[in-house]
Amino acid sequence: MTMSTRSLRALAIAFAVVAGAALLLARPQPFESAVLGADWECTQTAFVLTSCAPRVREAIPAVETSRKDAIRQTRG
């Protein structure tokens, strides 16, 4: 059984559409969990797999200088 160019093209287009839909469904979607609260970040993949992790907070860097570094040395 030989396939014509037209049927191969249709098969390729159908495969591309199915693969694109699978990629869209598999992309993790963030959502808010009322049970866990605001300290948790949850994602749901393909409406089936759900994972939650503690929300990472950005650390505010502390500025520490010693008195010796803060006072500039003067010559003379």
PDB file of N, CA and C in Angstrom:
ATOM      1  N   MET A   1       0.848  -1.175   0.000  1.00  0.00           N
ATOM      2  CA  MET A   1       0.000   0.000   0.000  1.00  0.00           C
ATOM      3  C   MET A   1       0.889   1.232   0.000  1.00  0.00           C
ATOM      4  N   THR A   2       0.734   2.045  -1.015  1.00  0.00           N
ATOM      5  CA  THR A   2       1.524   3.269  -1.114  1.00  0.00           C
ATOM      6  C   THR A   2       0.660   4.450  -0.713  1.00  0.00           C
ATOM      7  N   MET A   3       1.322   5.419  -0.100  1.00  0.00           N
ATOM      8  CA  MET A   3       0.596   6.620   0.331  1.00  0.00           C
ATOM      9  C   MET A   3       0.931   7.757  -0.616  1.00  0.00           C
ATOM     10  N   SER A   4      -0.069   8.507  -0.972  1.00  0.00           N
ATOM     11  CA  SER A   4       0.156   9.631  -1.873  1.00  0.00           C
ATOM     12  C   SER A   4       0.715  10.823  -1.087  1.00  0.00           C
ATOM     13  N   THR A   5       1.218  11.797  -1.802  1.00  0.00           N
ATOM     14  CA  THR A   5       1.780  12.992  -1.186  1.00  0.00           C
ATOM     15  C   THR A   5       0.725  13.734  -0.379  1.00  0.00           C
ATOM     16  N   ARG A   6      -0.485  13.746  -0.884  1.00  0.00           N
ATOM     17  CA  ARG A   6      -1.571  14.442  -0.202  1.00  0.00           C
ATOM     18  C   ARG A   6      -1.893  13.789   1.145  1.00  0.00           C
ATOM     19  N   SER A   7      -1.919  12.468   1.199  1.00  0.00           N
ATOM     20  CA  SER A   7      -2.238  11.786   2.457  1.00  0.00           C
ATOM     21  C   SER A   7      -1.066  11.905   3.445  1.00  0.00           C
ATOM     22  N   LEU A   8       0.182  11.914   2.951  1.00  0.00           N
ATOM     23  CA  LEU A   8       1.324  12.127   3.835  1.00  0.00           C
ATOM     24  C   LEU A   8       1.289  13.532   4.441  1.00  0.00           C
ATOM     25  N   ARG A   9       0.938  14.504   3.632  1.00  0.00           N
ATOM     26  CA  ARG A   9       0.828  15.882   4.118  1.00  0.00           C
ATOM     27  C   ARG A   9      -0.280  15.991   5.161  1.00  0.00           C
ATOM     28  N   ALA A  10      -1.406  15.364   4.935  1.00  0.00           N
ATOM     29  CA  ALA A  10      -2.515  15.385   5.892  1.00  0.00           C
ATOM     30  C   ALA A  10      -2.116  14.699   7.202  1.00  0.00           C
ATOM     31  N   LEU A  11      -1.378  13.601   7.087  1.00  0.00           N
ATOM     32  CA  LEU A  11      -0.904  12.892   8.273  1.00  0.00           C
ATOM     33  C   LEU A  11       0.084  13.759   9.072  1.00  0.00           C
ATOM     34  N   ALA A  12       0.970  14.460   8.390  1.00  0.00           N
ATOM     35  CA  ALA A  12       1.927  15.341   9.052  1.00  0.00           C
ATOM     36  C   ALA A  12       1.222  16.495   9.752  1.00  0.00           C
ATOM     37  N   ILE A  13       0.218  17.067   9.117  1.00  0.00           N
ATOM     38  CA  ILE A  13      -0.539  18.171   9.722  1.00  0.00           C
ATOM     39  C   ILE A  13      -1.311  17.670  10.943  1.00  0.00           C
ATOM     40  N   ALA A  14      -1.914  16.510  10.837  1.00  0.00           N
ATOM     41  CA  ALA A  14      -2.651  15.948  11.974  1.00  0.00           C
ATOM     42  C   ALA A  14      -1.705  15.664  13.140  1.00  0.00           C
ATOM     43  N   PHE A  15      -0.522  15.143  12.847  1.00  0.00           N
ATOM     44  CA  PHE A  15       0.458  14.887  13.907  1.00  0.00           C
ATOM     45  C   PHE A  15       0.895  16.184  14.571  1.00  0.00           C
ATOM     46  N   ALA A  16       1.124  17.237  13.794  1.00  0.00           N
ATOM     47  CA  ALA A  16       1.537  18.528  14.345  1.00  0.00           C
ATOM     48  C   ALA A  16       0.450  19.118  15.244  1.00  0.00           C
ATOM     49  N   VAL A  17      -0.801  18.979  14.846  1.00  0.00           N
ATOM     50  CA  VAL A  17      -1.904  19.500  15.652  1.00  0.00           C
ATOM     51  C   VAL A  17      -2.023  18.733  16.970  1.00  0.00           C
ATOM     52  N   VAL A  18      -1.918  17.420  16.911  1.00  0.00           N
ATOM     53  CA  VAL A  18      -2.008  16.604  18.127  1.00  0.00           C
ATOM     54  C   VAL A  18      -0.822  16.897  19.058  1.00  0.00           C
ATOM     55  N   ALA A  19       0.374  17.026  18.496  1.00  0.00           N
ATOM     56  CA  ALA A  19       1.554  17.320  19.311  1.00  0.00           C
ATOM     57  C   ALA A  19       1.437  18.703  19.950  1.00  0.00           C
ATOM     58  N   GLY A  20       0.933  19.683  19.215  1.00  0.00           N
ATOM     59  CA  GLY A  20       0.742  21.021  19.772  1.00  0.00           C
ATOM     60  C   GLY A  20      -0.274  21.023  20.900  1.00  0.00           C
ATOM     61  N   ALA A  21      -1.360  20.294  20.736  1.00  0.00           N
ATOM     62  CA  ALA A  21      -2.372  20.213  21.793  1.00  0.00           C
ATOM     63  C   ALA A  21      -1.813  19.512  23.025  1.00  0.00           C
ATOM     64  N   ALA A  22      -0.996  18.488  22.828  1.00  0.00           N
ATOM     65  CA  ALA A  22      -0.390  17.795  23.964  1.00  0.00           C
ATOM     66  C   ALA A  22       0.563  18.705  24.721  1.00  0.00           C
ATOM     67  N   LEU A  23       1.319  19.523  24.003  1.00  0.00           N
ATOM     68  CA  LEU A  23       2.222  20.470  24.659  1.00  0.00           C
ATOM     69  C   LEU A  23       1.453  21.524  25.445  1.00  0.00           C
ATOM     70  N   LEU A  24       0.350  21.986  24.909  1.00  0.00           N
ATOM     71  CA  LEU A  24      -0.450  22.988  25.627  1.00  0.00           C
ATOM     72  C   LEU A  24      -1.063  22.410  26.896  1.00  0.00           C
ATOM     73  N   LEU A  25      -1.501  21.170  26.833  1.00  0.00           N
ATOM     74  CA  LEU A  25      -2.088  20.542  28.012  1.00  0.00           C
ATOM     75  C   LEU A  25      -1.043  20.178  29.054  1.00  0.00           C
ATOM     76  N   ALA A  26       0.163  19.855  28.605  1.00  0.00           N
ATOM     77  CA  ALA A  26       1.207  19.412  29.531  1.00  0.00           C
ATOM     78  C   ALA A  26       1.907  20.568  30.234  1.00  0.00           C
ATOM     79  N   ARG A  27       1.705  21.792  29.781  1.00  0.00           N
ATOM     80  CA  ARG A  27       2.362  22.946  30.398  1.00  0.00           C
ATOM     81  C   ARG A  27       1.773  23.169  31.787  1.00  0.00           C
ATOM     82  N   PRO A  28       2.634  23.288  32.817  1.00  0.00           N
ATOM     83  CA  PRO A  28       2.132  23.495  34.180  1.00  0.00           C
ATOM     84  C   PRO A  28       1.393  24.825  34.315  1.00  0.00           C
ATOM     85  N   GLN A  29       0.227  24.786  34.925  1.00  0.00           N
ATOM     86  CA  GLN A  29      -0.579  25.980  35.148  1.00  0.00           C
ATOM     87  C   GLN A  29      -0.589  26.307  36.642  1.00  0.00           C
ATOM     88  N   PRO A  30      -0.178  27.510  37.033  1.00  0.00           N
ATOM     89  CA  PRO A  30      -0.216  27.859  38.458  1.00  0.00           C
ATOM     90  C   PRO A  30      -1.648  28.106  38.926  1.00  0.00           C
ATOM     91  N   PHE A  31      -1.920  27.773  40.185  1.00  0.00           N
ATOM     92  CA  PHE A  31      -3.226  28.076  40.760  1.00  0.00           C
ATOM     93  C   PHE A  31      -3.068  28.276  42.258  1.00  0.00           C
ATOM     94  N   GLU A  32      -4.021  28.944  42.855  1.00  0.00           N
ATOM     95  CA  GLU A  32      -4.018  29.219  44.291  1.00  0.00           C
ATOM     96  C   GLU A  32      -4.724  28.095  45.033  1.00  0.00           C
ATOM     97  N   SER A  33      -4.117  27.629  46.101  1.00  0.00           N
ATOM     98  CA  SER A  33      -4.732  26.604  46.917  1.00  0.00           C
ATOM     99  C   SER A  33      -5.302  27.244  48.175  1.00  0.00           C
ATOM    100  N   ALA A  34      -6.611  27.194  48.324  1.00  0.00           N
ATOM    101  CA  ALA A  34      -7.251  27.779  49.496  1.00  0.00           C
ATOM    102  C   ALA A  34      -6.949  26.976  50.760  1.00  0.00           C
ATOM    103  N   VAL A  35      -6.671  25.702  50.587  1.00  0.00           N
ATOM    104  CA  VAL A  35      -6.396  24.839  51.734  1.00  0.00           C
ATOM    105  C   VAL A  35      -5.018  25.142  52.316  1.00  0.00           C
ATOM    106  N   LEU A  36      -4.023  25.288  51.451  1.00  0.00           N
ATOM    107  CA  LEU A  36      -2.653  25.493  51.923  1.00  0.00           C
ATOM    108  C   LEU A  36      -2.356  26.945  52.283  1.00  0.00           C
ATOM    109  N   GLY A  37      -3.002  27.883  51.653  1.00  0.00           N
ATOM    110  CA  GLY A  37      -2.795  29.294  51.966  1.00  0.00           C
ATOM    111  C   GLY A  37      -1.813  29.960  51.011  1.00  0.00           C
ATOM    112  N   ALA A  38      -1.464  31.205  51.341  1.00  0.00           N
ATOM    113  CA  ALA A  38      -0.641  32.029  50.455  1.00  0.00           C
ATOM    114  C   ALA A  38       0.834  31.658  50.508  1.00  0.00           C
ATOM    115  N   ASP A  39       1.250  30.873  51.478  1.00  0.00           N
ATOM    116  CA  ASP A  39       2.656  30.509  51.605  1.00  0.00           C
ATOM    117  C   ASP A  39       3.052  29.358  50.685  1.00  0.00           C
ATOM    118  N   TRP A  40       2.116  28.840  49.911  1.00  0.00           N
ATOM    119  CA  TRP A  40       2.388  27.709  49.029  1.00  0.00           C
ATOM    120  C   TRP A  40       2.106  28.089  47.584  1.00  0.00           C
ATOM    121  N   GLU A  41       2.903  27.524  46.678  1.00  0.00           N
ATOM    122  CA  GLU A  41       2.733  27.737  45.246  1.00  0.00           C
ATOM    123  C   GLU A  41       2.426  26.395  44.600  1.00  0.00           C
ATOM    124  N   CYS A  42       1.289  26.282  43.932  1.00  0.00           N
ATOM    125  CA  CYS A  42       0.861  25.008  43.347  1.00  0.00           C
ATOM    126  C   CYS A  42       0.757  25.124  41.827  1.00  0.00           C
ATOM    127  N   THR A  43       1.056  24.015  41.136  1.00  0.00           N
ATOM    128  CA  THR A  43       0.888  23.935  39.689  1.00  0.00           C
ATOM    129  C   THR A  43       0.158  22.645  39.348  1.00  0.00           C
ATOM    130  N   GLN A  44      -0.582  22.705  38.251  1.00  0.00           N
ATOM    131  CA  GLN A  44      -1.335  21.539  37.799  1.00  0.00           C
ATOM    132  C   GLN A  44      -0.977  21.290  36.340  1.00  0.00           C
ATOM    133  N   THR A  45      -0.604  20.050  36.013  1.00  0.00           N
ATOM    134  CA  THR A  45      -0.192  19.684  34.668  1.00  0.00           C
ATOM    135  C   THR A  45      -1.222  18.743  34.060  1.00  0.00           C
ATOM    136  N   ALA A  46      -1.689  19.107  32.882  1.00  0.00           N
ATOM    137  CA  ALA A  46      -2.631  18.292  32.108  1.00  0.00           C
ATOM    138  C   ALA A  46      -3.874  17.914  32.911  1.00  0.00           C
ATOM    139  N   PHE A  47      -4.309  18.756  33.795  1.00  0.00           N
ATOM    140  CA  PHE A  47      -5.505  18.574  34.622  1.00  0.00           C
ATOM    141  C   PHE A  47      -5.430  17.338  35.516  1.00  0.00           C
ATOM    142  N   VAL A  48      -4.260  16.713  35.632  1.00  0.00           N
ATOM    143  CA  VAL A  48      -4.150  15.467  36.372  1.00  0.00           C
ATOM    144  C   VAL A  48      -3.126  15.570  37.491  1.00  0.00           C
ATOM    145  N   LEU A  49      -1.912  15.936  37.162  1.00  0.00           N
ATOM    146  CA  LEU A  49      -0.803  15.935  38.105  1.00  0.00           C
ATOM    147  C   LEU A  49      -0.725  17.285  38.815  1.00  0.00           C
ATOM    148  N   THR A  50      -0.811  17.284  40.130  1.00  0.00           N
ATOM    149  CA  THR A  50      -0.749  18.513  40.920  1.00  0.00           C
ATOM    150  C   THR A  50       0.437  18.437  41.860  1.00  0.00           C
ATOM    151  N   SER A  51       1.215  19.528  41.903  1.00  0.00           N
ATOM    152  CA  SER A  51       2.340  19.589  42.836  1.00  0.00           C
ATOM    153  C   SER A  51       2.344  20.948  43.517  1.00  0.00           C
ATOM    154  N   CYS A  52       2.713  20.943  44.798  1.00  0.00           N
ATOM    155  CA  CYS A  52       2.772  22.170  45.579  1.00  0.00           C
ATOM    156  C   CYS A  52       4.114  22.248  46.291  1.00  0.00           C
ATOM    157  N   ALA A  53       4.638  23.452  46.416  1.00  0.00           N
ATOM    158  CA  ALA A  53       5.909  23.675  47.104  1.00  0.00           C
ATOM    159  C   ALA A  53       5.802  24.979  47.882  1.00  0.00           C
ATOM    160  N   PRO A  54       6.565  25.084  48.970  1.00  0.00           N
ATOM    161  CA  PRO A  54       6.543  26.348  49.716  1.00  0.00           C
ATOM    162  C   PRO A  54       7.014  27.492  48.825  1.00  0.00           C
ATOM    163  N   ARG A  55       6.352  28.620  48.941  1.00  0.00           N
ATOM    164  CA  ARG A  55       6.695  29.791  48.143  1.00  0.00           C
ATOM    165  C   ARG A  55       8.045  30.329  48.605  1.00  0.00           C
ATOM    166  N   VAL A  56       8.913  30.611  47.646  1.00  0.00           N
ATOM    167  CA  VAL A  56      10.244  31.129  47.966  1.00  0.00           C
ATOM    168  C   VAL A  56      10.143  32.640  48.090  1.00  0.00           C
ATOM    169  N   ARG A  57      10.586  33.123  49.207  1.00  0.00           N
ATOM    170  CA  ARG A  57      10.582  34.572  49.420  1.00  0.00           C
ATOM    171  C   ARG A  57      11.968  35.107  49.137  1.00  0.00           C
ATOM    172  N   GLU A  58      12.023  36.280  48.549  1.00  0.00           N
ATOM    173  CA  GLU A  58      13.307  36.885  48.234  1.00  0.00           C
ATOM    174  C   GLU A  58      13.925  37.441  49.503  1.00  0.00           C
ATOM    175  N   ALA A  59      15.159  37.095  49.713  1.00  0.00           N
ATOM    176  CA  ALA A  59      15.868  37.584  50.891  1.00  0.00           C
ATOM    177  C   ALA A  59      16.313  39.026  50.657  1.00  0.00           C
ATOM    178  N   ILE A  60      16.140  39.852  51.659  1.00  0.00           N
ATOM    179  CA  ILE A  60      16.586  41.238  51.584  1.00  0.00           C
ATOM    180  C   ILE A  60      18.009  41.269  52.140  1.00  0.00           C
ATOM    181  N   PRO A  61      18.968  41.658  51.301  1.00  0.00           N
ATOM    182  CA  PRO A  61      20.343  41.636  51.777  1.00  0.00           C
ATOM    183  C   PRO A  61      20.580  42.700  52.847  1.00  0.00           C
ATOM    184  N   ALA A  62      21.286  42.317  53.872  1.00  0.00           N
ATOM    185  CA  ALA A  62      21.626  43.247  54.942  1.00  0.00           C
ATOM    186  C   ALA A  62      22.940  43.934  54.593  1.00  0.00           C
ATOM    187  N   VAL A  63      23.013  45.210  54.880  1.00  0.00           N
ATOM    188  CA  VAL A  63      24.230  45.967  54.622  1.00  0.00           C
ATOM    189  C   VAL A  63      24.992  46.061  55.932  1.00  0.00           C
ATOM    190  N   GLU A  64      26.170  45.496  55.916  1.00  0.00           N
ATOM    191  CA  GLU A  64      26.988  45.526  57.119  1.00  0.00           C
ATOM    192  C   GLU A  64      28.307  46.226  56.820  1.00  0.00           C
ATOM    193  N   THR A  65      28.601  47.230  57.571  1.00  0.00           N
ATOM    194  CA  THR A  65      29.885  47.904  57.446  1.00  0.00           C
ATOM    195  C   THR A  65      30.454  48.105  58.831  1.00  0.00           C
ATOM    196  N   SER A  66      31.734  47.968  58.908  1.00  0.00           N
ATOM    197  CA  SER A  66      32.365  48.250  60.187  1.00  0.00           C
ATOM    198  C   SER A  66      32.645  49.752  60.263  1.00  0.00           C
ATOM    199  N   ARG A  67      32.857  50.226  61.435  1.00  0.00           N
ATOM    200  CA  ARG A  67      33.102  51.670  61.617  1.00  0.00           C
ATOM    201  C   ARG A  67      34.360  52.083  60.868  1.00  0.00           C
ATOM    202  N   LYS A  68      35.348  51.214  60.819  1.00  0.00           N
ATOM    203  CA  LYS A  68      36.592  51.534  60.133  1.00  0.00           C
ATOM    204  C   LYS A  68      36.350  51.723  58.640  1.00  0.00           C
ATOM    205  N   ASP A  69      35.473  50.916  58.032  1.00  0.00           N
ATOM    206  CA  ASP A  69      35.168  51.053  56.609  1.00  0.00           C
ATOM    207  C   ASP A  69      34.302  52.266  56.330  1.00  0.00           C
ATOM    208  N   ALA A  70      33.485  52.644  57.278  1.00  0.00           N
ATOM    209  CA  ALA A  70      32.562  53.753  57.067  1.00  0.00           C
ATOM    210  C   ALA A  70      33.274  55.110  57.109  1.00  0.00           C
ATOM    211  N   ILE A  71      34.351  55.224  57.882  1.00  0.00           N
ATOM    212  CA  ILE A  71      35.078  56.487  58.005  1.00  0.00           C
ATOM    213  C   ILE A  71      36.254  56.435  57.054  1.00  0.00           C
ATOM    214  N   ARG A  72      36.304  57.417  56.162  1.00  0.00           N
ATOM    215  CA  ARG A  72      37.378  57.466  55.193  1.00  0.00           C
ATOM    216  C   ARG A  72      38.640  57.991  55.835  1.00  0.00           C
ATOM    217  N   GLN A  73      39.729  57.377  55.459  1.00  0.00           N
ATOM    218  CA  GLN A  73      41.026  57.855  55.972  1.00  0.00           C
ATOM    219  C   GLN A  73      41.434  59.087  55.194  1.00  0.00           C
ATOM    220  N   THR A  74      41.911  60.099  55.889  1.00  0.00           N
ATOM    221  CA  THR A  74      42.392  61.315  55.239  1.00  0.00           C
ATOM    222  C   THR A  74      43.901  61.408  55.427  1.00  0.00           C
ATOM    223  N   ARG A  75      44.529  61.896  54.420  1.00  0.00           N
ATOM    224  CA  ARG A  75      45.986  62.074  54.510  1.00  0.00           C
ATOM    225  C   ARG A  75      46.290  63.480  55.002  1.00  0.00           C
ATOM    226  N   GLY A  76      47.339  63.595  55.721  1.00  0.00           N
ATOM    227  CA  GLY A  76      47.807  64.926  56.075  1.00  0.00           C
ATOM    228  C   GLY A  76      47.785  65.255  57.453  1.00  0.00           C
TER     229      GLY A  76
END
